[in-house]
Amino acid sequence: MTIREQMEQMERENLSPYACLSVNSKGRERTEAECDIRPVFQRDRDRILHSKSFRRLKNKTQVFLTPKGDHYRTRLSHTLEVSQNARTIAKALRLNEDLVEAIALGHDLGHTPFGHAGEYALNKIYEGGFKHNEQSVRIVEKLEKDGNGLNLTWEVRDGIRNHQMKTTPHTLEGKIVRLSDKIAYVNSDFDDAIRAQILCEEDIPLELRKTLGYDVKSRLNHLIHDIIINSMDQSDIIMSDEVFEALQELRQFMYRNVYTNPVAKREEIKAKAMLEQLYYYYMDHIELLPEKYLRMQSEGEDKGRIVCDYIAGMTDQYAITKFSEYFLPEAWQVDGY
């Protein structure tokens, strides 16, 4: 018996009847030989962790664009916080931690530079539309590994595609990530807003603080406990009505006071305009894209889709660099002064 088979046996013996077992995966689009050490979801986790798109998350905006400070969240730190929240819940419920972690690490791979501002810009300008969750799936299915994709299992791709609240994952592990994402960003974005001196703790309505907690740490603790307590030995991942309603109200509070705050978002107009100009420029100069994107065009991919792929993959600084290269004049230099 291989190490992988021993681990699969441990899953059968120790995980909840509601867990998604590695041996029950619907599999990959392309059949592969099994690893002798790692079950399929652990293997998927490793592939995402070692991907280029995952590494680029460290230089992509979470909420505050190119902040001058070392402690503001990036898209990468947000992803790691989602993963940790989700693993805590999965472990307590005896669900599949490997599957949860793979989905969590991959859920935001498709985010654009400059956070949701970039997503809104591409969705507005490209007639086919742009959604970061669908782009995340496109990355793991097609764009990574020079057009070969990561060939992840169906369950991981399903969890990545359906991590937003308006969609429903088909596994409990995917549902854990979906809630963990909201818990992570609402609390960490508020923490960053305090750091940016946009909000203070007392700005949160008192009734919400009475229900969820009086600081970020206590709110995280309360929300995670509520999910575990209400989902234990259940065939769904749920929260109590009171806490779920309070979480929704806290999200709305954040939308009113941070996500649409003119002070926090004053640079987003520039970011959107910059990405729009880059989009039109590449549409007129598609030959400037790297070879793998040109190959996609020769294979019949829509040109606008390809340009979105390229721009969405940029980090904040790379987008600024390319914009400067194409649109800002350089100082005239004369040799032999």
Protein backbone atom coordinates (compact mmCIF):
# COMPACT_ATOMS: atom_id res chain seq x y z
CA MET A 1 0.00 0.00 0.00
CA THR A 2 1.43 3.40 -1.00
CA ILE A 3 1.59 6.39 1.32
CA ARG A 4 -1.20 7.98 -0.71
CA GLU A 5 -3.42 4.94 -0.23
CA GLN A 6 -2.73 4.97 3.50
CA MET A 7 -3.76 8.63 3.66
CA GLU A 8 -6.91 7.90 1.68
CA GLN A 9 -7.73 5.12 4.13
CA MET A 10 -7.26 7.57 7.02
CA GLU A 11 -9.75 9.91 5.36
CA ARG A 12 -12.32 7.11 5.14
CA GLU A 13 -11.83 6.23 8.80
CA ASN A 14 -11.58 9.70 10.33
CA LEU A 15 -13.48 12.24 8.26
CA SER A 16 -17.15 13.12 8.57
CA PRO A 17 -19.70 11.21 6.45
CA TYR A 18 -20.35 14.59 4.79
CA ALA A 19 -16.71 15.14 3.80
CA CYS A 20 -15.57 14.96 0.19
CA LEU A 21 -13.08 12.10 0.18
CA SER A 22 -10.11 12.25 -2.15
CA VAL A 23 -10.96 8.83 -3.61
CA ASN A 24 -14.44 10.07 -4.52
CA SER A 25 -13.23 13.01 -6.61
CA LYS A 26 -14.83 13.38 -10.02
CA GLY A 27 -11.30 13.62 -11.33
CA ARG A 28 -9.39 15.81 -13.75
CA GLU A 29 -10.13 16.86 -17.31
CA ARG A 30 -6.96 15.05 -18.41
CA THR A 31 -6.22 11.68 -16.85
CA GLU A 32 -2.92 11.46 -14.97
CA ALA A 33 -1.02 8.80 -13.08
CA GLU A 34 -1.66 9.07 -9.33
CA CYS A 35 1.05 10.38 -7.00
CA ASP A 36 2.41 7.70 -4.66
CA ILE A 37 2.47 10.14 -1.72
CA ARG A 38 -0.23 12.81 -2.10
CA PRO A 39 -4.00 12.40 -2.49
CA VAL A 40 -5.53 14.40 -5.33
CA PHE A 41 -6.62 17.49 -3.37
CA GLN A 42 -3.26 17.85 -1.65
CA ARG A 43 -1.65 17.65 -5.07
CA ASP A 44 -3.97 20.41 -6.32
CA ARG A 45 -3.06 22.58 -3.34
CA ASP A 46 0.64 22.20 -4.17
CA ARG A 47 0.09 23.06 -7.85
CA ILE A 48 -1.69 26.29 -6.95
CA LEU A 49 0.94 27.22 -4.37
CA HIS A 50 3.74 26.84 -6.92
CA SER A 51 1.94 28.67 -9.74
CA LYS A 52 3.04 32.03 -11.14
CA SER A 53 -0.42 33.52 -10.70
CA PHE A 54 -0.31 32.72 -6.97
CA ARG A 55 3.04 34.47 -6.55
CA ARG A 56 1.73 37.58 -8.30
CA LEU A 57 -0.98 38.02 -5.66
CA LYS A 58 1.59 39.54 -3.31
CA ASN A 59 1.68 42.66 -5.49
CA LYS A 60 -2.04 43.03 -6.16
CA THR A 61 -4.35 45.37 -4.26
CA GLN A 62 -6.80 44.09 -1.69
CA VAL A 63 -8.62 47.37 -0.89
CA PHE A 64 -6.11 50.22 -0.58
CA LEU A 65 -4.29 50.90 -3.86
CA THR A 66 -0.47 50.89 -3.66
CA PRO A 67 -0.53 51.87 0.03
CA LYS A 68 2.48 53.51 1.67
CA GLY A 69 2.85 51.10 4.54
CA ASP A 70 4.09 47.57 5.17
CA HIS A 71 1.06 46.21 6.99
CA TYR A 72 -1.86 46.74 4.64
CA ARG A 73 -3.32 43.55 3.22
CA THR A 74 -2.53 42.48 -0.31
CA ARG A 75 -4.49 39.96 -2.33
CA LEU A 76 -1.98 37.33 -1.16
CA SER A 77 -2.29 38.03 2.56
CA HIS A 78 -6.08 38.02 2.16
CA THR A 79 -5.86 34.62 0.45
CA LEU A 80 -3.76 33.20 3.29
CA GLU A 81 -6.22 34.54 5.88
CA VAL A 82 -9.12 32.90 4.03
CA SER A 83 -7.18 29.64 3.93
CA GLN A 84 -6.46 29.70 7.66
CA ASN A 85 -10.07 30.49 8.60
CA ALA A 86 -11.33 27.74 6.30
CA ARG A 87 -8.87 25.14 7.58
CA THR A 88 -9.85 25.87 11.18
CA ILE A 89 -13.50 25.28 10.35
CA ALA A 90 -12.82 22.18 8.24
CA LYS A 91 -10.65 20.57 10.91
CA ALA A 92 -13.29 21.11 13.58
CA LEU A 93 -16.02 19.65 11.35
CA ARG A 94 -13.81 16.73 10.20
CA LEU A 95 -14.09 17.78 6.58
CA ASN A 96 -11.35 17.59 3.95
CA GLU A 97 -8.68 20.16 4.84
CA ASP A 98 -6.71 19.57 1.64
CA LEU A 99 -9.72 20.37 -0.51
CA VAL A 100 -10.56 23.45 1.56
CA GLU A 101 -7.01 24.74 1.35
CA ALA A 102 -6.74 24.18 -2.40
CA ILE A 103 -9.97 26.09 -3.05
CA ALA A 104 -8.97 28.90 -0.67
CA LEU A 105 -5.51 29.35 -2.19
CA GLY A 106 -6.96 29.42 -5.71
CA HIS A 107 -10.13 31.43 -5.22
CA ASP A 108 -8.65 34.87 -6.10
CA LEU A 109 -6.04 33.93 -8.71
CA GLY A 110 -8.07 35.76 -11.36
CA HIS A 111 -8.17 39.10 -9.61
CA THR A 112 -6.99 42.06 -11.63
CA PRO A 113 -4.46 44.70 -10.56
CA PHE A 114 -6.02 47.37 -8.32
CA GLY A 115 -8.57 45.02 -6.79
CA HIS A 116 -12.23 45.26 -7.71
CA ALA A 117 -11.59 48.58 -9.49
CA GLY A 118 -9.71 46.65 -12.17
CA GLU A 119 -12.41 44.02 -12.34
CA TYR A 120 -15.12 46.65 -12.85
CA ALA A 121 -13.04 48.33 -15.58
CA LEU A 122 -12.55 45.14 -17.60
CA ASN A 123 -16.15 44.04 -17.09
CA LYS A 124 -17.35 47.38 -18.43
CA ILE A 125 -15.05 47.56 -21.42
CA TYR A 126 -14.98 43.96 -22.66
CA GLU A 127 -18.23 42.95 -24.34
CA GLY A 128 -17.90 39.38 -23.09
CA GLY A 129 -17.80 40.58 -19.48
CA PHE A 130 -15.21 39.91 -16.81
CA LYS A 131 -15.67 38.27 -13.40
CA HIS A 132 -12.71 37.42 -11.21
CA ASN A 133 -14.08 34.05 -10.07
CA GLU A 134 -14.50 32.91 -13.68
CA GLN A 135 -11.05 34.26 -14.49
CA SER A 136 -9.60 32.24 -11.61
CA VAL A 137 -11.01 29.09 -13.19
CA ARG A 138 -9.71 30.15 -16.60
CA ILE A 139 -6.23 30.53 -15.11
CA VAL A 140 -6.12 27.04 -13.63
CA GLU A 141 -7.78 25.43 -16.66
CA LYS A 142 -5.94 27.20 -19.45
CA LEU A 143 -3.55 30.06 -18.75
CA GLU A 144 -1.07 28.55 -16.30
CA LYS A 145 1.81 26.37 -17.51
CA ASP A 146 2.02 28.09 -20.92
CA GLY A 147 -1.51 27.23 -21.92
CA ASN A 148 -1.73 23.76 -20.39
CA GLY A 149 -3.41 24.80 -17.15
CA LEU A 150 -2.94 23.06 -13.82
CA ASN A 151 -5.37 20.22 -14.58
CA LEU A 152 -7.04 20.46 -11.17
CA THR A 153 -9.82 18.22 -9.93
CA TRP A 154 -13.45 19.08 -10.58
CA GLU A 155 -14.14 19.79 -6.89
CA VAL A 156 -11.39 22.39 -6.58
CA ARG A 157 -12.46 24.17 -9.77
CA ASP A 158 -16.07 24.10 -8.60
CA GLY A 159 -15.13 25.69 -5.27
CA ILE A 160 -13.08 28.39 -6.97
CA ARG A 161 -15.85 29.21 -9.44
CA ASN A 162 -18.55 29.37 -6.76
CA HIS A 163 -16.82 31.19 -3.90
CA GLN A 164 -19.13 34.22 -4.15
CA MET A 165 -22.29 34.38 -2.06
CA LYS A 166 -24.61 34.47 -5.09
CA THR A 167 -23.37 31.04 -6.18
CA THR A 168 -23.40 27.66 -4.42
CA PRO A 169 -20.49 25.21 -4.35
CA HIS A 170 -21.29 21.51 -4.63
CA THR A 171 -19.15 20.46 -1.65
CA LEU A 172 -19.25 21.46 2.00
CA GLU A 173 -15.58 22.32 1.69
CA GLY A 174 -16.41 24.84 -1.03
CA LYS A 175 -19.15 26.31 1.17
CA ILE A 176 -16.64 26.76 3.98
CA VAL A 177 -14.35 28.78 1.73
CA ARG A 178 -17.25 30.88 0.48
CA LEU A 179 -18.10 31.99 4.04
CA SER A 180 -14.46 32.20 5.13
CA ASP A 181 -13.78 34.66 2.31
CA LYS A 182 -16.48 37.03 3.57
CA ILE A 183 -15.38 36.69 7.19
CA ALA A 184 -11.77 37.39 6.24
CA TYR A 185 -12.26 40.44 4.07
CA VAL A 186 -14.87 42.17 6.21
CA ASN A 187 -12.65 41.99 9.27
CA SER A 188 -9.25 42.55 7.68
CA ASP A 189 -10.52 45.41 5.51
CA PHE A 190 -11.91 47.08 8.63
CA ASP A 191 -8.55 46.61 10.32
CA ASP A 192 -6.85 48.26 7.34
CA ALA A 193 -9.40 51.09 7.42
CA ILE A 194 -8.43 51.76 11.05
CA ARG A 195 -4.77 51.79 9.98
CA ALA A 196 -5.65 54.28 7.24
CA GLN A 197 -7.50 56.45 9.82
CA ILE A 198 -10.72 56.22 7.83
CA LEU A 199 -12.66 54.44 10.59
CA CYS A 200 -12.34 53.62 14.25
CA GLU A 201 -13.80 50.75 16.24
CA GLU A 202 -16.62 52.87 17.68
CA ASP A 203 -17.92 53.63 14.16
CA ILE A 204 -19.42 50.14 13.93
CA PRO A 205 -23.05 50.29 15.15
CA LEU A 206 -23.29 49.21 18.76
CA GLU A 207 -25.87 46.48 18.08
CA LEU A 208 -23.49 44.82 15.61
CA ARG A 209 -20.67 44.97 18.10
CA LYS A 210 -22.88 43.45 20.80
CA THR A 211 -23.66 40.54 18.48
CA LEU A 212 -20.28 39.96 16.83
CA GLY A 213 -17.68 41.35 19.22
CA TYR A 214 -15.93 44.55 20.18
CA ASP A 215 -12.73 44.16 18.16
CA VAL A 216 -11.46 42.35 15.06
CA LYS A 217 -10.07 39.38 16.98
CA SER A 218 -13.26 38.73 18.92
CA ARG A 219 -15.40 39.08 15.79
CA LEU A 220 -13.30 36.53 13.90
CA ASN A 221 -13.47 34.18 16.84
CA HIS A 222 -17.24 34.55 17.20
CA LEU A 223 -18.00 34.10 13.49
CA ILE A 224 -15.85 30.98 13.16
CA HIS A 225 -17.31 29.45 16.30
CA ASP A 226 -20.84 30.16 15.07
CA ILE A 227 -20.21 28.30 11.80
CA ILE A 228 -18.68 25.31 13.58
CA ILE A 229 -21.42 25.04 16.21
CA ASN A 230 -24.28 25.32 13.71
CA SER A 231 -22.70 23.06 11.05
CA MET A 232 -21.55 20.24 13.32
CA ASP A 233 -22.90 16.89 12.06
CA GLN A 234 -24.97 18.69 9.43
CA SER A 235 -25.11 18.22 5.68
CA ASP A 236 -24.66 21.97 5.12
CA ILE A 237 -22.43 24.83 6.25
CA ILE A 238 -24.62 27.31 8.06
CA MET A 239 -24.61 30.11 10.60
CA SER A 240 -27.21 31.12 13.16
CA ASP A 241 -29.75 33.55 11.75
CA GLU A 242 -28.73 36.29 14.19
CA VAL A 243 -25.01 36.08 13.40
CA PHE A 244 -25.49 35.71 9.64
CA GLU A 245 -27.73 38.78 9.58
CA ALA A 246 -25.16 40.71 11.62
CA LEU A 247 -22.40 39.66 9.21
CA GLN A 248 -24.49 40.89 6.28
CA GLU A 249 -25.09 44.19 8.05
CA LEU A 250 -21.37 44.52 8.74
CA ARG A 251 -20.66 43.94 5.04
CA GLN A 252 -23.13 46.68 4.14
CA PHE A 253 -21.48 48.96 6.68
CA MET A 254 -18.13 48.31 4.97
CA TYR A 255 -19.59 49.02 1.52
CA ARG A 256 -20.97 52.35 2.68
CA ASN A 257 -17.95 53.46 4.65
CA VAL A 258 -14.92 51.84 2.99
CA TYR A 259 -15.58 50.22 -0.37
CA THR A 260 -17.34 53.32 -1.71
CA ASN A 261 -15.57 55.83 0.52
CA PRO A 262 -14.24 58.69 -1.66
CA VAL A 263 -11.15 59.05 0.55
CA ALA A 264 -10.25 55.35 0.41
CA LYS A 265 -11.15 55.04 -3.27
CA ARG A 266 -9.99 58.34 -4.72
CA GLU A 267 -7.24 56.69 -6.76
CA GLU A 268 -9.57 54.10 -8.30
CA ILE A 269 -10.72 56.50 -11.04
CA LYS A 270 -7.12 56.72 -12.22
CA ALA A 271 -6.66 52.95 -11.99
CA LYS A 272 -9.77 52.25 -14.05
CA ALA A 273 -8.78 54.80 -16.70
CA MET A 274 -5.30 53.34 -16.88
CA LEU A 275 -6.55 49.78 -17.46
CA GLU A 276 -9.07 50.98 -20.04
CA GLN A 277 -6.31 52.71 -22.01
CA LEU A 278 -4.09 49.64 -21.77
CA TYR A 279 -6.96 47.51 -23.05
CA TYR A 280 -7.51 49.66 -26.13
CA TYR A 281 -3.79 49.96 -26.76
CA TYR A 282 -3.29 46.18 -26.73
CA MET A 283 -6.34 45.69 -28.91
CA ASP A 284 -4.59 47.86 -31.50
CA HIS A 285 -1.15 46.35 -30.82
CA ILE A 286 -1.85 42.71 -30.02
CA GLU A 287 1.62 41.82 -31.29
CA LEU A 288 3.11 43.28 -28.09
CA LEU A 289 1.70 40.44 -26.00
CA PRO A 290 3.91 37.47 -25.07
CA GLU A 291 4.07 34.49 -27.40
CA LYS A 292 1.63 32.28 -25.49
CA TYR A 293 -1.12 34.90 -25.91
CA LEU A 294 -0.41 35.27 -29.61
CA ARG A 295 -0.65 31.49 -29.90
CA MET A 296 -4.09 31.65 -28.29
CA GLN A 297 -5.19 34.14 -30.96
CA SER A 298 -3.94 31.87 -33.74
CA GLU A 299 -5.99 29.08 -32.15
CA GLY A 300 -9.16 31.16 -32.51
CA GLU A 301 -9.50 32.77 -29.06
CA ASP A 302 -11.36 36.08 -28.98
CA LYS A 303 -8.88 38.98 -29.07
CA GLY A 304 -10.66 40.94 -26.33
CA ARG A 305 -10.62 37.89 -24.10
CA ILE A 306 -6.87 37.48 -24.63
CA VAL A 307 -6.19 41.12 -23.80
CA CYS A 308 -8.26 40.76 -20.61
CA ASP A 309 -6.22 37.68 -19.72
CA TYR A 310 -2.99 39.61 -20.07
CA ILE A 311 -4.11 42.72 -18.18
CA ALA A 312 -5.79 40.71 -15.41
CA GLY A 313 -2.53 38.87 -14.82
CA MET A 314 -0.59 42.07 -14.21
CA THR A 315 0.48 43.21 -10.76
CA ASP A 316 -0.29 46.79 -9.76
CA GLN A 317 3.27 47.96 -10.42
CA TYR A 318 3.59 46.15 -13.74
CA ALA A 319 0.39 47.81 -14.99
CA ILE A 320 1.77 51.21 -13.96
CA THR A 321 5.08 50.42 -15.66
CA LYS A 322 3.46 49.41 -18.96
CA PHE A 323 1.15 52.43 -18.89
CA SER A 324 4.15 54.72 -18.34
CA GLU A 325 6.02 53.02 -21.16
CA TYR A 326 3.19 53.48 -23.66
CA PHE A 327 1.65 56.81 -22.65
CA LEU A 328 4.16 58.96 -20.75
CA PRO A 329 6.96 60.71 -22.66
CA GLU A 330 10.55 60.05 -21.68
CA ALA A 331 13.09 62.85 -21.27
CA TRP A 332 15.10 63.48 -24.42
CA GLN A 333 18.67 62.26 -24.16
CA VAL A 334 21.60 63.22 -26.37
CA ASP A 335 24.79 61.18 -26.30
CA GLY A 336 28.11 62.98 -25.95
CA TYR A 337 27.01 65.94 -23.84
